[in-house]
Amino acid sequence: MELNNEFTVAVPVERAWALLTDLERIAPCLPGAQLREVEGEEYRGAVKVKVGPITATYDGAVRFVERDEVARRFVMRAEGRESRGQGNASATITVDFAPRGESSLVTVVTDLAVTGKVAQFGRGVMAEVSAKLLDQFVSNLEKTVLSDDDGSPDGSTGEPVAPAPAEGATVDGEVASTEGDGAPGVRYINSGPVEPVDLLEVTGGTFARRLLKPIVVAGAALGLVAIVRRRRR
């Protein structure tokens, strides 16, 4: 399914580009997302979602497959798997930037494929969830990253950047890179736990109503069968 969204970032397009291509910096702004490690252009982590008492975790990775700074356009490929093997999700995400005065209009087109229990909710619910999560993402971005930004063109905070750690060194108690385990150059992120996205809260009950609809229909059907059986007796 294809999902189309857009949002506005209150910074010029040059800064918006620098900011939104810095996945490590903006990852904490995405509800339910946890960045765990980075290797080259691949960012690995998890997304947690919650429906009532049930919580699901999708472990996966996202990588840039195209990045055109002149055209202000990038494409990412994301793939994830539910930790208990109850479904997969993959997406090709195309992001375009356009100036809107002193702000930037960001257009996001997501070609999404899902399997498992989540797939039953269809495009309508997926579109509603993605739109509201983007709104939360932008709100978090403005409250944290943009409020700390000093306005430099590259989107940096102006603070000195620490040199890259040596092989085998640690960052915040985590191994910065490994050798001999098949994953050289992996940098681990000590991001801490995150709260899952509560889909019932995000959709304001719409998700719950759509989830309950087939249950109500099934209940009505069972009731009808019971009445027919009684009449036959």
C-alpha atoms as a PDB file:
ATOM      1  CA  MET A   1       0.000   0.000   0.000  1.00  0.00           C
ATOM      2  CA  GLU A   2       1.078   3.579  -0.636  1.00  0.00           C
ATOM      3  CA  LEU A   3       0.849   6.201   2.093  1.00  0.00           C
ATOM      4  CA  ASN A   4       1.220   9.921   1.358  1.00  0.00           C
ATOM      5  CA  ASN A   5       2.017  12.466   4.052  1.00  0.00           C
ATOM      6  CA  GLU A   6       3.487  15.929   4.327  1.00  0.00           C
ATOM      7  CA  PHE A   7       4.538  18.230   7.128  1.00  0.00           C
ATOM      8  CA  THR A   8       6.230  21.574   7.620  1.00  0.00           C
ATOM      9  CA  VAL A   9       9.474  22.183   9.486  1.00  0.00           C
ATOM     10  CA  ALA A  10      10.048  25.730  10.711  1.00  0.00           C
ATOM     11  CA  VAL A  11      13.587  26.014   9.303  1.00  0.00           C
ATOM     12  CA  PRO A  12      14.951  26.831   5.813  1.00  0.00           C
ATOM     13  CA  VAL A  13      15.249  23.900   3.418  1.00  0.00           C
ATOM     14  CA  GLU A  14      19.057  23.659   3.764  1.00  0.00           C
ATOM     15  CA  ARG A  15      18.790  23.104   7.514  1.00  0.00           C
ATOM     16  CA  ALA A  16      15.780  20.815   7.139  1.00  0.00           C
ATOM     17  CA  TRP A  17      17.790  18.621   4.752  1.00  0.00           C
ATOM     18  CA  ALA A  18      20.802  18.460   7.081  1.00  0.00           C
ATOM     19  CA  LEU A  19      18.574  17.682  10.030  1.00  0.00           C
ATOM     20  CA  LEU A  20      16.351  14.979   8.531  1.00  0.00           C
ATOM     21  CA  THR A  21      19.237  13.102   6.935  1.00  0.00           C
ATOM     22  CA  ASP A  22      20.904  12.850  10.349  1.00  0.00           C
ATOM     23  CA  LEU A  23      19.028   9.720  11.417  1.00  0.00           C
ATOM     24  CA  GLU A  24      20.989   9.235  14.614  1.00  0.00           C
ATOM     25  CA  ARG A  25      20.028  12.688  15.816  1.00  0.00           C
ATOM     26  CA  ILE A  26      16.332  12.553  14.981  1.00  0.00           C
ATOM     27  CA  ALA A  27      15.609   8.892  15.839  1.00  0.00           C
ATOM     28  CA  PRO A  28      14.575   9.703  19.450  1.00  0.00           C
ATOM     29  CA  CYS A  29      11.861  12.001  18.080  1.00  0.00           C
ATOM     30  CA  LEU A  30      10.000   9.151  16.380  1.00  0.00           C
ATOM     31  CA  PRO A  31       7.427   7.666  18.789  1.00  0.00           C
ATOM     32  CA  GLY A  32       8.183   4.089  19.787  1.00  0.00           C
ATOM     33  CA  ALA A  33      11.524   3.978  17.948  1.00  0.00           C
ATOM     34  CA  GLN A  34      14.823   2.944  19.490  1.00  0.00           C
ATOM     35  CA  LEU A  35      18.126   3.212  17.616  1.00  0.00           C
ATOM     36  CA  ARG A  36      20.534   0.502  18.790  1.00  0.00           C
ATOM     37  CA  GLU A  37      23.480   0.427  16.423  1.00  0.00           C
ATOM     38  CA  VAL A  38      24.955   1.975  13.298  1.00  0.00           C
ATOM     39  CA  GLU A  39      27.186   0.357  10.704  1.00  0.00           C
ATOM     40  CA  GLY A  40      28.130   2.550   7.770  1.00  0.00           C
ATOM     41  CA  GLU A  41      24.875   3.725   6.163  1.00  0.00           C
ATOM     42  CA  GLU A  42      22.743   1.145   7.947  1.00  0.00           C
ATOM     43  CA  TYR A  43      20.839   2.063  11.114  1.00  0.00           C
ATOM     44  CA  ARG A  44      19.470  -0.791  13.226  1.00  0.00           C
ATOM     45  CA  GLY A  45      16.932  -0.666  15.971  1.00  0.00           C
ATOM     46  CA  ALA A  46      13.368  -1.460  16.943  1.00  0.00           C
ATOM     47  CA  VAL A  47       9.879  -0.007  16.890  1.00  0.00           C
ATOM     48  CA  LYS A  48       7.406  -0.904  19.636  1.00  0.00           C
ATOM     49  CA  VAL A  49       3.630  -0.727  19.209  1.00  0.00           C
ATOM     50  CA  LYS A  50       0.853  -1.456  21.658  1.00  0.00           C
ATOM     51  CA  VAL A  51      -2.804  -2.408  21.201  1.00  0.00           C
ATOM     52  CA  GLY A  52      -4.516  -2.616  24.566  1.00  0.00           C
ATOM     53  CA  PRO A  53      -2.525  -5.033  26.734  1.00  0.00           C
ATOM     54  CA  ILE A  54      -0.610  -6.482  23.761  1.00  0.00           C
ATOM     55  CA  THR A  55       2.815  -5.061  22.836  1.00  0.00           C
ATOM     56  CA  ALA A  56       4.712  -5.990  19.679  1.00  0.00           C
ATOM     57  CA  THR A  57       8.320  -5.163  18.841  1.00  0.00           C
ATOM     58  CA  TYR A  58       9.624  -4.949  15.283  1.00  0.00           C
ATOM     59  CA  ASP A  59      13.391  -5.373  15.011  1.00  0.00           C
ATOM     60  CA  GLY A  60      14.863  -4.069  11.790  1.00  0.00           C
ATOM     61  CA  ALA A  61      17.110  -1.747   9.859  1.00  0.00           C
ATOM     62  CA  VAL A  62      16.880   1.291   7.633  1.00  0.00           C
ATOM     63  CA  ARG A  63      19.417   2.432   5.044  1.00  0.00           C
ATOM     64  CA  PHE A  64      19.745   5.167   2.445  1.00  0.00           C
ATOM     65  CA  VAL A  65      19.458   3.885  -1.124  1.00  0.00           C
ATOM     66  CA  GLU A  66      19.481   7.336  -2.718  1.00  0.00           C
ATOM     67  CA  ARG A  67      20.488  10.759  -1.447  1.00  0.00           C
ATOM     68  CA  ASP A  68      20.427  13.746  -3.822  1.00  0.00           C
ATOM     69  CA  GLU A  69      21.302  16.929  -1.971  1.00  0.00           C
ATOM     70  CA  VAL A  70      20.939  19.095  -5.095  1.00  0.00           C
ATOM     71  CA  ALA A  71      17.384  17.897  -5.759  1.00  0.00           C
ATOM     72  CA  ARG A  72      16.660  17.768  -2.005  1.00  0.00           C
ATOM     73  CA  ARG A  73      15.410  14.213  -2.222  1.00  0.00           C
ATOM     74  CA  PHE A  74      16.346  10.973  -0.505  1.00  0.00           C
ATOM     75  CA  VAL A  75      15.067   7.414  -0.546  1.00  0.00           C
ATOM     76  CA  MET A  76      15.361   4.931   2.300  1.00  0.00           C
ATOM     77  CA  ARG A  77      14.634   1.225   2.560  1.00  0.00           C
ATOM     78  CA  ALA A  78      13.340  -0.100   5.872  1.00  0.00           C
ATOM     79  CA  GLU A  79      12.768  -3.724   6.848  1.00  0.00           C
ATOM     80  CA  GLY A  80      11.571  -5.181  10.131  1.00  0.00           C
ATOM     81  CA  ARG A  81      10.392  -8.428  11.671  1.00  0.00           C
ATOM     82  CA  GLU A  82       8.139  -8.912  14.674  1.00  0.00           C
ATOM     83  CA  SER A  83      10.295 -10.320  17.466  1.00  0.00           C
ATOM     84  CA  ARG A  84       8.015 -13.340  17.964  1.00  0.00           C
ATOM     85  CA  GLY A  85       7.861 -14.115  14.259  1.00  0.00           C
ATOM     86  CA  GLN A  86       4.241 -13.011  13.858  1.00  0.00           C
ATOM     87  CA  GLY A  87       4.737 -10.716  10.898  1.00  0.00           C
ATOM     88  CA  ASN A  88       7.085  -8.678   8.752  1.00  0.00           C
ATOM     89  CA  ALA A  89       7.098  -5.103   7.529  1.00  0.00           C
ATOM     90  CA  SER A  90       9.074  -3.436   4.750  1.00  0.00           C
ATOM     91  CA  ALA A  91       8.910   0.001   3.210  1.00  0.00           C
ATOM     92  CA  THR A  92      10.510   2.190   0.601  1.00  0.00           C
ATOM     93  CA  ILE A  93      10.329   5.774   1.837  1.00  0.00           C
ATOM     94  CA  THR A  94      10.810   8.701  -0.553  1.00  0.00           C
ATOM     95  CA  VAL A  95      11.262  12.142   1.008  1.00  0.00           C
ATOM     96  CA  ASP A  96      11.242  15.430  -0.924  1.00  0.00           C
ATOM     97  CA  PHE A  97      11.938  18.945   0.388  1.00  0.00           C
ATOM     98  CA  ALA A  98      10.542  22.231  -0.924  1.00  0.00           C
ATOM     99  CA  PRO A  99      11.067  25.769   0.428  1.00  0.00           C
ATOM    100  CA  ARG A 100       8.052  27.551   1.903  1.00  0.00           C
ATOM    101  CA  GLY A 101       9.394  30.977   2.802  1.00  0.00           C
ATOM    102  CA  GLU A 102      11.547  30.525   5.902  1.00  0.00           C
ATOM    103  CA  SER A 103      10.128  27.042   6.434  1.00  0.00           C
ATOM    104  CA  SER A 104      10.322  23.762   4.545  1.00  0.00           C
ATOM    105  CA  LEU A 105       7.585  21.510   3.202  1.00  0.00           C
ATOM    106  CA  VAL A 106       8.538  17.848   3.541  1.00  0.00           C
ATOM    107  CA  THR A 107       6.638  15.301   1.443  1.00  0.00           C
ATOM    108  CA  VAL A 108       6.846  11.632   2.401  1.00  0.00           C
ATOM    109  CA  VAL A 109       5.671   8.800   0.140  1.00  0.00           C
ATOM    110  CA  THR A 110       5.817   5.355   1.737  1.00  0.00           C
ATOM    111  CA  ASP A 111       5.410   2.155  -0.237  1.00  0.00           C
ATOM    112  CA  LEU A 112       4.534  -0.186   2.628  1.00  0.00           C
ATOM    113  CA  ALA A 113       4.161  -3.962   2.749  1.00  0.00           C
ATOM    114  CA  VAL A 114       3.093  -5.765   5.926  1.00  0.00           C
ATOM    115  CA  THR A 115       2.265  -9.351   6.812  1.00  0.00           C
ATOM    116  CA  GLY A 116       0.829 -10.946   9.922  1.00  0.00           C
ATOM    117  CA  LYS A 117      -1.836  -9.588  12.265  1.00  0.00           C
ATOM    118  CA  VAL A 118      -1.117  -5.935  11.506  1.00  0.00           C
ATOM    119  CA  ALA A 119      -2.031  -6.456   7.841  1.00  0.00           C
ATOM    120  CA  GLN A 120      -5.709  -7.030   8.699  1.00  0.00           C
ATOM    121  CA  PHE A 121      -6.274  -3.384   9.612  1.00  0.00           C
ATOM    122  CA  GLY A 122      -5.957  -2.148   6.041  1.00  0.00           C
ATOM    123  CA  ARG A 123      -4.908   1.082   4.397  1.00  0.00           C
ATOM    124  CA  GLY A 124      -7.400   3.344   6.206  1.00  0.00           C
ATOM    125  CA  VAL A 125      -6.046   2.599   9.676  1.00  0.00           C
ATOM    126  CA  MET A 126      -2.423   2.586   8.453  1.00  0.00           C
ATOM    127  CA  ALA A 127      -2.868   6.010   6.834  1.00  0.00           C
ATOM    128  CA  GLU A 128      -4.433   7.460   9.981  1.00  0.00           C
ATOM    129  CA  VAL A 129      -1.714   6.054  12.222  1.00  0.00           C
ATOM    130  CA  SER A 130       1.130   7.247   9.972  1.00  0.00           C
ATOM    131  CA  ALA A 131      -0.315  10.780   9.763  1.00  0.00           C
ATOM    132  CA  LYS A 132      -0.689  11.120  13.519  1.00  0.00           C
ATOM    133  CA  LEU A 133       2.733   9.627  14.228  1.00  0.00           C
ATOM    134  CA  LEU A 134       4.284  12.154  11.836  1.00  0.00           C
ATOM    135  CA  ASP A 135       2.511  14.943  13.720  1.00  0.00           C
ATOM    136  CA  GLN A 136       4.002  13.631  16.976  1.00  0.00           C
ATOM    137  CA  PHE A 137       7.413  13.326  15.345  1.00  0.00           C
ATOM    138  CA  VAL A 138       7.364  16.963  14.185  1.00  0.00           C
ATOM    139  CA  SER A 139       6.188  18.108  17.611  1.00  0.00           C
ATOM    140  CA  ASN A 140       9.034  16.200  19.293  1.00  0.00           C
ATOM    141  CA  LEU A 141      11.486  17.574  16.724  1.00  0.00           C
ATOM    142  CA  GLU A 142      10.479  21.155  17.496  1.00  0.00           C
ATOM    143  CA  LYS A 143      10.598  20.652  21.273  1.00  0.00           C
ATOM    144  CA  THR A 144      14.008  18.970  21.342  1.00  0.00           C
ATOM    145  CA  VAL A 145      16.300  19.106  18.311  1.00  0.00           C
ATOM    146  CA  LEU A 146      15.145  22.420  16.829  1.00  0.00           C
ATOM    147  CA  SER A 147      15.055  24.157  20.200  1.00  0.00           C
ATOM    148  CA  ASP A 148      18.703  23.156  20.733  1.00  0.00           C
ATOM    149  CA  ASP A 149      19.809  24.086  17.209  1.00  0.00           C
ATOM    150  CA  ASP A 150      21.916  27.259  17.056  1.00  0.00           C
ATOM    151  CA  GLY A 151      20.936  27.957  13.462  1.00  0.00           C
ATOM    152  CA  SER A 152      24.142  26.790  11.781  1.00  0.00           C
ATOM    153  CA  PRO A 153      23.539  25.785   8.123  1.00  0.00           C
ATOM    154  CA  ASP A 154      24.562  22.161   8.660  1.00  0.00           C
ATOM    155  CA  GLY A 155      22.060  21.742  11.469  1.00  0.00           C
ATOM    156  CA  SER A 156      24.722  21.132  14.090  1.00  0.00           C
ATOM    157  CA  THR A 157      24.431  22.455  17.605  1.00  0.00           C
ATOM    158  CA  GLY A 158      27.714  24.317  17.432  1.00  0.00           C
ATOM    159  CA  GLU A 159      29.206  22.138  20.167  1.00  0.00           C
ATOM    160  CA  PRO A 160      32.606  20.507  19.611  1.00  0.00           C
ATOM    161  CA  VAL A 161      32.430  17.038  18.076  1.00  0.00           C
ATOM    162  CA  ALA A 162      34.293  14.287  19.891  1.00  0.00           C
ATOM    163  CA  PRO A 163      36.762  12.281  17.789  1.00  0.00           C
ATOM    164  CA  ALA A 164      35.737   8.803  16.674  1.00  0.00           C
ATOM    165  CA  PRO A 165      36.575   6.191  19.326  1.00  0.00           C
ATOM    166  CA  ALA A 166      39.388   3.773  18.713  1.00  0.00           C
ATOM    167  CA  GLU A 167      38.693   0.163  17.812  1.00  0.00           C
ATOM    168  CA  GLY A 168      37.454  -1.689  20.889  1.00  0.00           C
ATOM    169  CA  ALA A 169      36.836   1.504  22.866  1.00  0.00           C
ATOM    170  CA  THR A 170      33.520   2.093  24.611  1.00  0.00           C
ATOM    171  CA  VAL A 171      30.884   4.810  24.381  1.00  0.00           C
ATOM    172  CA  ASP A 172      28.581   5.227  27.397  1.00  0.00           C
ATOM    173  CA  GLY A 173      29.526   1.760  28.515  1.00  0.00           C
ATOM    174  CA  GLU A 174      28.892   0.188  25.110  1.00  0.00           C
ATOM    175  CA  VAL A 175      31.447  -1.244  22.691  1.00  0.00           C
ATOM    176  CA  ALA A 176      32.036   1.281  19.934  1.00  0.00           C
ATOM    177  CA  SER A 177      33.227  -1.232  17.330  1.00  0.00           C
ATOM    178  CA  THR A 178      34.010  -4.890  17.121  1.00  0.00           C
ATOM    179  CA  GLU A 179      36.588  -7.025  15.408  1.00  0.00           C
ATOM    180  CA  GLY A 180      36.606 -10.690  14.597  1.00  0.00           C
ATOM    181  CA  ASP A 181      32.878 -11.211  15.146  1.00  0.00           C
ATOM    182  CA  GLY A 182      31.811 -10.606  11.558  1.00  0.00           C
ATOM    183  CA  ALA A 183      30.645  -7.023  12.172  1.00  0.00           C
ATOM    184  CA  PRO A 184      33.637  -4.651  12.080  1.00  0.00           C
ATOM    185  CA  GLY A 185      32.852  -0.976  12.515  1.00  0.00           C
ATOM    186  CA  VAL A 186      29.551  -1.451  14.310  1.00  0.00           C
ATOM    187  CA  ARG A 187      28.842   1.398  16.715  1.00  0.00           C
ATOM    188  CA  TYR A 188      26.384   0.659  19.495  1.00  0.00           C
ATOM    189  CA  ILE A 189      23.963   3.315  20.742  1.00  0.00           C
ATOM    190  CA  ASN A 190      23.159   3.442  24.448  1.00  0.00           C
ATOM    191  CA  SER A 191      19.696   4.883  23.852  1.00  0.00           C
ATOM    192  CA  GLY A 192      17.818   3.391  26.796  1.00  0.00           C
ATOM    193  CA  PRO A 193      14.272   1.957  26.801  1.00  0.00           C
ATOM    194  CA  VAL A 194      11.374   3.616  24.968  1.00  0.00           C
ATOM    195  CA  GLU A 195       7.637   3.560  25.492  1.00  0.00           C
ATOM    196  CA  PRO A 196       5.633   1.685  22.822  1.00  0.00           C
ATOM    197  CA  VAL A 197       3.248   3.586  20.567  1.00  0.00           C
ATOM    198  CA  ASP A 198      -0.278   3.078  21.909  1.00  0.00           C
ATOM    199  CA  LEU A 199      -2.352   2.703  18.737  1.00  0.00           C
ATOM    200  CA  LEU A 200      -5.623   3.067  20.614  1.00  0.00           C
ATOM    201  CA  GLU A 201      -4.459   6.414  21.983  1.00  0.00           C
ATOM    202  CA  VAL A 202      -2.978   7.576  18.672  1.00  0.00           C
ATOM    203  CA  THR A 203      -6.172   6.968  16.694  1.00  0.00           C
ATOM    204  CA  GLY A 204      -8.512   8.229  19.413  1.00  0.00           C
ATOM    205  CA  GLY A 205     -10.501   5.002  19.437  1.00  0.00           C
ATOM    206  CA  THR A 206     -10.894   4.632  15.665  1.00  0.00           C
ATOM    207  CA  PHE A 207      -8.488   1.729  15.690  1.00  0.00           C
ATOM    208  CA  ALA A 208     -10.454   0.086  18.493  1.00  0.00           C
ATOM    209  CA  ARG A 209     -13.753   0.488  16.664  1.00  0.00           C
ATOM    210  CA  ARG A 210     -12.354  -1.082  13.507  1.00  0.00           C
ATOM    211  CA  LEU A 211     -10.773  -3.845  15.540  1.00  0.00           C
ATOM    212  CA  LEU A 212     -14.045  -4.567  17.337  1.00  0.00           C
ATOM    213  CA  LYS A 213     -16.185  -4.494  14.190  1.00  0.00           C
ATOM    214  CA  PRO A 214     -15.325  -8.032  12.992  1.00  0.00           C
ATOM    215  CA  ILE A 215     -15.772  -9.271  16.562  1.00  0.00           C
ATOM    216  CA  VAL A 216     -19.259  -7.737  16.717  1.00  0.00           C
ATOM    217  CA  VAL A 217     -20.174  -9.216  13.328  1.00  0.00           C
ATOM    218  CA  ALA A 218     -18.915 -12.624  14.386  1.00  0.00           C
ATOM    219  CA  GLY A 219     -20.872 -12.365  17.648  1.00  0.00           C
ATOM    220  CA  ALA A 220     -24.055 -11.433  15.793  1.00  0.00           C
ATOM    221  CA  ALA A 221     -23.578 -14.366  13.428  1.00  0.00           C
ATOM    222  CA  LEU A 222     -23.117 -16.780  16.335  1.00  0.00           C
ATOM    223  CA  GLY A 223     -26.219 -15.365  18.011  1.00  0.00           C
ATOM    224  CA  LEU A 224     -28.230 -15.879  14.814  1.00  0.00           C
ATOM    225  CA  VAL A 225     -27.037 -19.474  14.572  1.00  0.00           C
ATOM    226  CA  ALA A 226     -28.059 -20.086  18.195  1.00  0.00           C
ATOM    227  CA  ILE A 227     -31.564 -18.669  17.552  1.00  0.00           C
ATOM    228  CA  VAL A 228     -32.010 -20.844  14.441  1.00  0.00           C
ATOM    229  CA  ARG A 229     -30.955 -23.935  16.366  1.00  0.00           C
ATOM    230  CA  ARG A 230     -33.410 -23.182  19.150  1.00  0.00           C
ATOM    231  CA  ARG A 231     -36.273 -22.744  16.692  1.00  0.00           C
ATOM    232  CA  ARG A 232     -35.421 -26.035  15.018  1.00  0.00           C
ATOM    233  CA  ARG A 233     -35.570 -27.785  18.381  1.00  0.00           C
END
